[in-house]
Amino acid sequence: MGDPKKQRKKYEKPLIPWDERRIENDKDIMKNYGLKRKEEILKMESFLRKLRRRARDAAAGSTEKERKELLRKCRNIGLIGEEDDIGQILRIELRDVLERRLQTLVAKMDGVRSPGHARQLVTHGHVKVDEKVMKSPSFFVPKDLEDKISVDEKALVIDE
């Protein structure tokens, strides 16, 4: 079986931890997207940073295979359109990445009251993506599965 790999952080801490503007911006993002910890924002920022770095390397002169793979990945997640090129990846913002999370997509559905309610529905196992129960609010929903998200009707409280 082998030894398990060592767990590593999936994010980097900010260079200036007590930057007032960043803290206010993080509070706004946490409120709008129903995030529980700032760690989630840092993970998404690290993901975006790595994506942009790959795009810069691909634009500077990597193989055509790497370039196509990067474009395919971004198109599948839904961050760029079908006709966009490598330059469009560099224009992706944090809010674009957060819009692709399962929690955010569930929050936009009818009967869900807030992003916090959407997070609770996901973590309690009331949300299915393509008939598979997803319990991770940070799951990136591929573009082709976006319309296959369903919420258990018994879990929704519908005001009459």
Protein backbone atom coordinates (compact mmCIF):
# COMPACT_ATOMS: atom_id res chain seq x y z
CA MET A 1 0.00 0.00 0.00
CA GLY A 2 2.77 2.44 0.72
CA ASP A 3 3.04 5.38 3.01
CA PRO A 4 0.45 8.14 2.80
CA LYS A 5 1.67 11.43 1.41
CA LYS A 6 2.28 14.34 3.72
CA GLN A 7 -0.59 16.80 3.95
CA ARG A 8 0.32 20.26 2.68
CA LYS A 9 -1.43 23.59 2.72
CA LYS A 10 -3.39 24.40 -0.40
CA TYR A 11 -2.96 28.14 -0.01
CA GLU A 12 -0.47 30.86 0.81
CA LYS A 13 -0.91 33.45 3.53
CA PRO A 14 -1.11 37.12 2.50
CA LEU A 15 2.13 39.07 2.63
CA ILE A 16 0.54 41.84 4.73
CA PRO A 17 -1.82 40.08 7.17
CA TRP A 18 -3.42 43.21 8.66
CA ASP A 19 -4.18 45.14 5.48
CA GLU A 20 -7.43 46.97 6.23
CA ARG A 21 -8.68 47.09 2.62
CA ARG A 22 -8.07 43.36 2.12
CA ILE A 23 -9.84 42.50 5.37
CA GLU A 24 -12.90 44.57 4.40
CA ASN A 25 -12.91 43.02 0.92
CA ASP A 26 -12.69 39.52 2.44
CA LYS A 27 -15.62 40.27 4.76
CA ASP A 28 -17.71 41.39 1.80
CA ILE A 29 -16.82 38.26 -0.18
CA MET A 30 -17.55 35.99 2.80
CA LYS A 31 -20.96 37.61 3.28
CA ASN A 32 -21.96 37.50 -0.40
CA TYR A 33 -20.80 33.94 -1.07
CA GLY A 34 -21.57 32.39 2.33
CA LEU A 35 -18.00 31.32 3.03
CA LYS A 36 -17.21 30.09 6.50
CA ARG A 37 -13.50 30.87 6.79
CA LYS A 38 -11.03 33.21 5.13
CA GLU A 39 -9.03 30.08 4.37
CA GLU A 40 -11.56 29.34 1.61
CA ILE A 41 -10.80 32.71 0.00
CA LEU A 42 -7.07 32.04 0.24
CA LYS A 43 -7.53 28.63 -1.43
CA MET A 44 -9.46 30.16 -4.32
CA GLU A 45 -6.86 32.93 -4.70
CA SER A 46 -4.08 30.32 -4.80
CA PHE A 47 -6.00 28.31 -7.41
CA LEU A 48 -6.43 31.45 -9.52
CA ARG A 49 -2.77 32.40 -9.09
CA LYS A 50 -1.64 28.96 -10.30
CA LEU A 51 -4.03 29.14 -13.25
CA ARG A 52 -2.71 32.56 -14.28
CA ARG A 53 0.88 31.37 -13.92
CA ARG A 54 0.15 28.42 -16.22
CA ALA A 55 -1.49 30.80 -18.71
CA ARG A 56 1.54 33.12 -18.72
CA ASP A 57 3.88 30.18 -19.23
CA ALA A 58 1.69 28.86 -22.05
CA ALA A 59 1.59 32.27 -23.73
CA ALA A 60 5.35 32.69 -23.39
CA GLY A 61 6.14 29.53 -25.26
CA SER A 62 5.06 26.12 -24.08
CA THR A 63 3.92 23.17 -26.15
CA GLU A 64 0.63 23.25 -28.00
CA LYS A 65 -0.53 20.24 -25.95
CA GLU A 66 -0.12 22.14 -22.64
CA ARG A 67 -1.92 25.16 -24.06
CA LYS A 68 -4.88 23.06 -25.26
CA GLU A 69 -5.06 21.24 -21.93
CA LEU A 70 -5.21 24.52 -20.00
CA LEU A 71 -7.91 25.93 -22.28
CA ARG A 72 -9.93 22.69 -22.04
CA LYS A 73 -9.75 22.76 -18.23
CA CYS A 74 -10.92 26.38 -18.02
CA ARG A 75 -13.73 25.78 -20.52
CA ASN A 76 -14.94 22.68 -18.66
CA ILE A 77 -15.08 24.56 -15.36
CA GLY A 78 -16.86 27.43 -17.12
CA LEU A 79 -14.34 30.17 -16.41
CA ILE A 80 -13.93 31.08 -20.10
CA GLY A 81 -16.08 30.71 -23.22
CA GLU A 82 -15.57 28.37 -26.14
CA GLU A 83 -13.99 31.00 -28.39
CA ASP A 84 -11.71 32.60 -25.78
CA ASP A 85 -7.92 32.27 -25.86
CA ILE A 86 -5.09 32.16 -23.32
CA GLY A 87 -5.27 35.93 -22.75
CA GLN A 88 -8.79 35.59 -21.37
CA ILE A 89 -7.50 33.36 -18.55
CA LEU A 90 -5.40 36.26 -17.29
CA ARG A 91 -8.58 38.37 -16.97
CA ILE A 92 -10.37 35.91 -14.67
CA GLU A 93 -11.13 37.40 -11.26
CA LEU A 94 -11.74 35.84 -7.85
CA ARG A 95 -15.49 36.41 -8.10
CA ASP A 96 -15.58 34.44 -11.39
CA VAL A 97 -13.99 31.47 -9.62
CA LEU A 98 -16.35 31.74 -6.63
CA GLU A 99 -19.36 31.76 -9.00
CA ARG A 100 -18.46 28.23 -10.14
CA ARG A 101 -18.65 26.67 -6.66
CA LEU A 102 -21.52 24.31 -5.86
CA GLN A 103 -22.62 26.42 -2.89
CA THR A 104 -23.02 29.53 -5.05
CA LEU A 105 -24.94 27.71 -7.77
CA VAL A 106 -27.29 26.15 -5.21
CA ALA A 107 -27.83 29.56 -3.57
CA LYS A 108 -29.19 30.89 -6.88
CA MET A 109 -31.84 28.15 -7.11
CA ASP A 110 -35.49 28.73 -6.20
CA GLY A 111 -36.40 27.93 -2.61
CA VAL A 112 -32.92 28.52 -1.22
CA ARG A 113 -32.95 31.50 1.13
CA SER A 114 -29.28 32.48 1.33
CA PRO A 115 -25.72 31.32 0.61
CA GLY A 116 -25.54 30.07 4.22
CA HIS A 117 -28.68 28.00 3.67
CA ALA A 118 -27.19 26.64 0.47
CA ARG A 119 -24.02 25.64 2.34
CA GLN A 120 -26.08 23.80 4.93
CA LEU A 121 -28.06 21.95 2.26
CA VAL A 122 -24.84 20.82 0.59
CA THR A 123 -23.04 19.72 3.75
CA HIS A 124 -26.08 17.80 5.01
CA GLY A 125 -26.29 15.82 1.77
CA HIS A 126 -29.48 17.28 0.32
CA VAL A 127 -27.87 18.28 -3.00
CA LYS A 128 -27.21 15.92 -5.89
CA VAL A 129 -25.09 16.61 -8.95
CA ASP A 130 -25.86 14.18 -11.77
CA GLU A 131 -27.62 11.84 -9.28
CA LYS A 132 -24.55 11.75 -7.00
CA VAL A 133 -24.72 13.29 -3.53
CA MET A 134 -22.15 16.07 -3.09
CA LYS A 135 -21.22 17.18 0.42
CA SER A 136 -18.48 19.64 -0.49
CA PRO A 137 -19.61 23.27 -0.91
CA SER A 138 -16.35 24.13 -2.67
CA PHE A 139 -16.88 21.60 -5.48
CA PHE A 140 -16.25 23.19 -8.90
CA VAL A 141 -19.29 22.36 -11.00
CA PRO A 142 -18.36 21.62 -14.62
CA LYS A 143 -20.36 23.48 -17.25
CA ASP A 144 -22.03 20.30 -18.54
CA LEU A 145 -23.29 19.34 -15.04
CA GLU A 146 -24.60 22.78 -14.12
CA ASP A 147 -28.17 21.98 -15.18
CA LYS A 148 -28.08 18.58 -13.42
CA ILE A 149 -28.00 20.01 -9.90
CA SER A 150 -31.01 19.00 -7.82
CA VAL A 151 -32.01 19.77 -4.24
CA ASP A 152 -34.16 17.45 -2.13
CA GLU A 153 -37.60 19.09 -1.97
CA LYS A 154 -38.15 17.93 1.62
CA ALA A 155 -35.12 19.93 2.75
CA LEU A 156 -36.41 23.20 1.27
CA VAL A 157 -38.74 25.28 3.40
CA ILE A 158 -41.24 26.88 1.08
CA ASP A 159 -43.21 29.78 2.53
CA GLU A 160 -46.85 29.67 1.54
